[in-house]
Amino acid sequence: MEIGGATLNELSYQLARSYCVPTRGVYVAEPAGMFRLDGPDNGWIIASVDSQPTPTLAEFIRVMQGIPDRERV
């Protein structure tokens, strides 16, 4: 999925294994725009948004759709 210029995917088993984390969350494959942070940004995992867990890409989309435009989270 692309949002704000970034590419997001479900966290795969292979990536979860390489990060030594459970297979849940959203993987930021190509950080850009609102998903670009200062410093090294070679992929990272989103576990929650606005204090709501995002264990899957579908849940991440649901949470993001509930946030009004221009609201800071």
N, C-alpha and C. Protein backbone atom coordinates (compact mmCIF):
# COMPACT_ATOMS: atom_id res chain seq x y z
N MET A 1 0.84 -1.15 0.00
CA MET A 1 0.00 0.00 0.00
C MET A 1 0.90 1.23 0.00
N GLU A 2 0.48 2.27 -0.69
CA GLU A 2 1.21 3.54 -0.66
C GLU A 2 0.35 4.59 0.02
N ILE A 3 0.98 5.31 0.94
CA ILE A 3 0.29 6.38 1.65
C ILE A 3 1.32 7.46 1.98
N GLY A 4 0.99 8.69 1.69
CA GLY A 4 1.90 9.80 1.99
C GLY A 4 3.26 9.65 1.34
N GLY A 5 3.33 8.97 0.21
CA GLY A 5 4.60 8.77 -0.49
C GLY A 5 5.39 7.56 -0.02
N ALA A 6 4.93 6.90 1.04
CA ALA A 6 5.64 5.74 1.59
C ALA A 6 4.98 4.44 1.12
N THR A 7 5.75 3.36 1.13
CA THR A 7 5.23 2.04 0.80
C THR A 7 5.17 1.20 2.07
N LEU A 8 3.98 0.67 2.38
CA LEU A 8 3.76 -0.13 3.58
C LEU A 8 3.30 -1.52 3.19
N ASN A 9 3.72 -2.52 3.96
CA ASN A 9 3.35 -3.91 3.73
C ASN A 9 3.02 -4.59 5.05
N GLU A 10 2.32 -5.72 4.94
CA GLU A 10 2.18 -6.59 6.12
C GLU A 10 3.59 -7.05 6.51
N LEU A 11 3.84 -7.21 7.79
CA LEU A 11 5.12 -7.71 8.23
C LEU A 11 5.22 -9.20 7.89
N SER A 12 6.17 -9.56 7.06
CA SER A 12 6.32 -10.95 6.64
C SER A 12 7.03 -11.77 7.72
N TYR A 13 6.90 -13.07 7.59
CA TYR A 13 7.58 -13.98 8.52
C TYR A 13 9.09 -13.76 8.46
N GLN A 14 9.62 -13.60 7.25
CA GLN A 14 11.07 -13.44 7.08
C GLN A 14 11.57 -12.16 7.76
N LEU A 15 10.85 -11.06 7.58
CA LEU A 15 11.26 -9.81 8.23
C LEU A 15 11.11 -9.89 9.74
N ALA A 16 10.01 -10.48 10.21
CA ALA A 16 9.82 -10.64 11.65
C ALA A 16 10.95 -11.46 12.24
N ARG A 17 11.35 -12.48 11.54
CA ARG A 17 12.46 -13.33 12.02
C ARG A 17 13.76 -12.54 12.06
N SER A 18 14.01 -11.71 11.05
CA SER A 18 15.27 -10.95 11.03
C SER A 18 15.29 -9.86 12.11
N TYR A 19 14.11 -9.33 12.48
CA TYR A 19 14.02 -8.34 13.55
C TYR A 19 13.83 -8.98 14.93
N CYS A 20 13.62 -10.31 14.95
CA CYS A 20 13.37 -11.06 16.20
C CYS A 20 12.14 -10.53 16.93
N VAL A 21 11.06 -10.35 16.16
CA VAL A 21 9.79 -9.88 16.72
C VAL A 21 8.66 -10.80 16.26
N PRO A 22 7.50 -10.75 16.94
CA PRO A 22 6.35 -11.53 16.48
C PRO A 22 5.89 -11.06 15.09
N THR A 23 5.21 -11.94 14.37
CA THR A 23 4.74 -11.62 13.02
C THR A 23 3.44 -10.84 13.09
N ARG A 24 3.53 -9.59 13.46
CA ARG A 24 2.37 -8.69 13.45
C ARG A 24 2.88 -7.26 13.36
N GLY A 25 2.09 -6.44 12.73
CA GLY A 25 2.47 -5.05 12.52
C GLY A 25 2.56 -4.72 11.05
N VAL A 26 2.83 -3.47 10.77
CA VAL A 26 2.93 -2.97 9.40
C VAL A 26 4.37 -2.55 9.17
N TYR A 27 4.96 -3.05 8.09
CA TYR A 27 6.35 -2.77 7.77
C TYR A 27 6.43 -1.60 6.79
N VAL A 28 7.21 -0.58 7.14
CA VAL A 28 7.43 0.56 6.26
C VAL A 28 8.61 0.22 5.37
N ALA A 29 8.30 -0.22 4.15
CA ALA A 29 9.34 -0.69 3.24
C ALA A 29 10.12 0.45 2.62
N GLU A 30 9.43 1.53 2.25
CA GLU A 30 10.07 2.69 1.65
C GLU A 30 9.54 3.94 2.34
N PRO A 31 10.25 4.43 3.37
CA PRO A 31 9.79 5.61 4.09
C PRO A 31 9.85 6.86 3.20
N ALA A 32 8.82 7.66 3.26
CA ALA A 32 8.78 8.93 2.53
C ALA A 32 7.66 9.78 3.11
N GLY A 33 7.67 11.05 2.80
CA GLY A 33 6.61 11.94 3.25
C GLY A 33 6.40 11.90 4.74
N MET A 34 5.16 11.67 5.15
CA MET A 34 4.84 11.69 6.58
C MET A 34 5.41 10.49 7.34
N PHE A 35 5.94 9.51 6.64
CA PHE A 35 6.55 8.35 7.29
C PHE A 35 8.07 8.38 7.24
N ARG A 36 8.65 9.51 6.93
CA ARG A 36 10.10 9.65 6.90
C ARG A 36 10.55 10.29 8.21
N LEU A 37 11.48 9.64 8.87
CA LEU A 37 12.02 10.14 10.14
C LEU A 37 13.46 10.57 9.94
N ASP A 38 13.94 11.41 10.84
CA ASP A 38 15.37 11.76 10.82
C ASP A 38 16.19 10.55 11.20
N GLY A 39 17.35 10.42 10.63
CA GLY A 39 18.24 9.31 10.94
C GLY A 39 18.02 8.14 10.02
N PRO A 40 18.56 6.99 10.40
CA PRO A 40 18.43 5.81 9.54
C PRO A 40 16.97 5.38 9.42
N ASP A 41 16.55 5.18 8.19
CA ASP A 41 15.15 4.81 7.99
C ASP A 41 15.03 3.68 6.96
N ASN A 42 15.83 2.65 7.14
CA ASN A 42 15.82 1.52 6.22
C ASN A 42 14.76 0.51 6.61
N GLY A 43 13.56 0.96 6.77
CA GLY A 43 12.46 0.08 7.14
C GLY A 43 12.26 0.00 8.63
N TRP A 44 11.04 0.07 9.06
CA TRP A 44 10.69 -0.06 10.46
C TRP A 44 9.27 -0.57 10.57
N ILE A 45 8.85 -0.90 11.78
CA ILE A 45 7.56 -1.56 12.01
C ILE A 45 6.64 -0.64 12.79
N ILE A 46 5.40 -0.49 12.29
CA ILE A 46 4.38 0.28 13.00
C ILE A 46 3.53 -0.71 13.78
N ALA A 47 3.55 -0.60 15.10
CA ALA A 47 2.78 -1.51 15.96
C ALA A 47 1.46 -0.88 16.40
N SER A 48 1.41 0.48 16.41
CA SER A 48 0.18 1.17 16.81
C SER A 48 0.17 2.57 16.23
N VAL A 49 -1.03 3.13 16.12
CA VAL A 49 -1.22 4.51 15.67
C VAL A 49 -2.24 5.14 16.60
N ASP A 50 -1.89 6.28 17.17
CA ASP A 50 -2.79 7.00 18.07
C ASP A 50 -3.27 6.09 19.20
N SER A 51 -2.35 5.33 19.76
CA SER A 51 -2.60 4.40 20.88
C SER A 51 -3.54 3.25 20.52
N GLN A 52 -3.75 2.99 19.24
CA GLN A 52 -4.57 1.87 18.80
C GLN A 52 -3.68 0.86 18.10
N PRO A 53 -3.71 -0.41 18.51
CA PRO A 53 -2.84 -1.41 17.89
C PRO A 53 -3.15 -1.60 16.41
N THR A 54 -2.10 -1.85 15.62
CA THR A 54 -2.24 -2.09 14.18
C THR A 54 -1.51 -3.38 13.83
N PRO A 55 -2.07 -4.54 14.24
CA PRO A 55 -1.39 -5.81 13.99
C PRO A 55 -1.40 -6.25 12.53
N THR A 56 -2.31 -5.69 11.73
CA THR A 56 -2.39 -6.04 10.31
C THR A 56 -2.51 -4.77 9.48
N LEU A 57 -2.29 -4.91 8.19
CA LEU A 57 -2.42 -3.77 7.29
C LEU A 57 -3.88 -3.30 7.24
N ALA A 58 -4.82 -4.22 7.26
CA ALA A 58 -6.24 -3.86 7.25
C ALA A 58 -6.61 -3.05 8.49
N GLU A 59 -6.09 -3.43 9.64
CA GLU A 59 -6.36 -2.70 10.89
C GLU A 59 -5.70 -1.32 10.85
N PHE A 60 -4.50 -1.24 10.28
CA PHE A 60 -3.81 0.04 10.12
C PHE A 60 -4.67 0.99 9.27
N ILE A 61 -5.21 0.47 8.17
CA ILE A 61 -6.05 1.29 7.29
C ILE A 61 -7.29 1.76 8.03
N ARG A 62 -7.92 0.87 8.80
CA ARG A 62 -9.11 1.24 9.57
C ARG A 62 -8.80 2.36 10.56
N VAL A 63 -7.68 2.24 11.28
CA VAL A 63 -7.30 3.26 12.26
C VAL A 63 -7.00 4.59 11.55
N MET A 64 -6.27 4.55 10.45
CA MET A 64 -5.92 5.77 9.73
C MET A 64 -7.17 6.46 9.17
N GLN A 65 -8.16 5.68 8.73
CA GLN A 65 -9.38 6.28 8.19
C GLN A 65 -10.18 7.00 9.27
N GLY A 66 -10.00 6.62 10.52
CA GLY A 66 -10.72 7.25 11.62
C GLY A 66 -10.08 8.53 12.13
N ILE A 67 -8.92 8.88 11.61
CA ILE A 67 -8.23 10.10 12.05
C ILE A 67 -8.63 11.24 11.12
N PRO A 68 -9.20 12.33 11.68
CA PRO A 68 -9.61 13.46 10.83
C PRO A 68 -8.41 14.11 10.14
N ASP A 69 -8.65 14.72 8.98
CA ASP A 69 -7.60 15.43 8.25
C ASP A 69 -6.97 16.49 9.15
N ARG A 70 -5.66 16.63 9.02
CA ARG A 70 -4.84 17.62 9.71
C ARG A 70 -4.74 17.43 11.23
N GLU A 71 -5.23 16.32 11.75
CA GLU A 71 -5.11 16.06 13.19
C GLU A 71 -3.73 15.47 13.46
N ARG A 72 -3.10 15.96 14.52
CA ARG A 72 -1.78 15.43 14.91
C ARG A 72 -1.97 14.23 15.81
N VAL A 73 -1.20 13.19 15.52
CA VAL A 73 -1.25 11.98 16.37
C VAL A 73 0.14 11.59 16.77
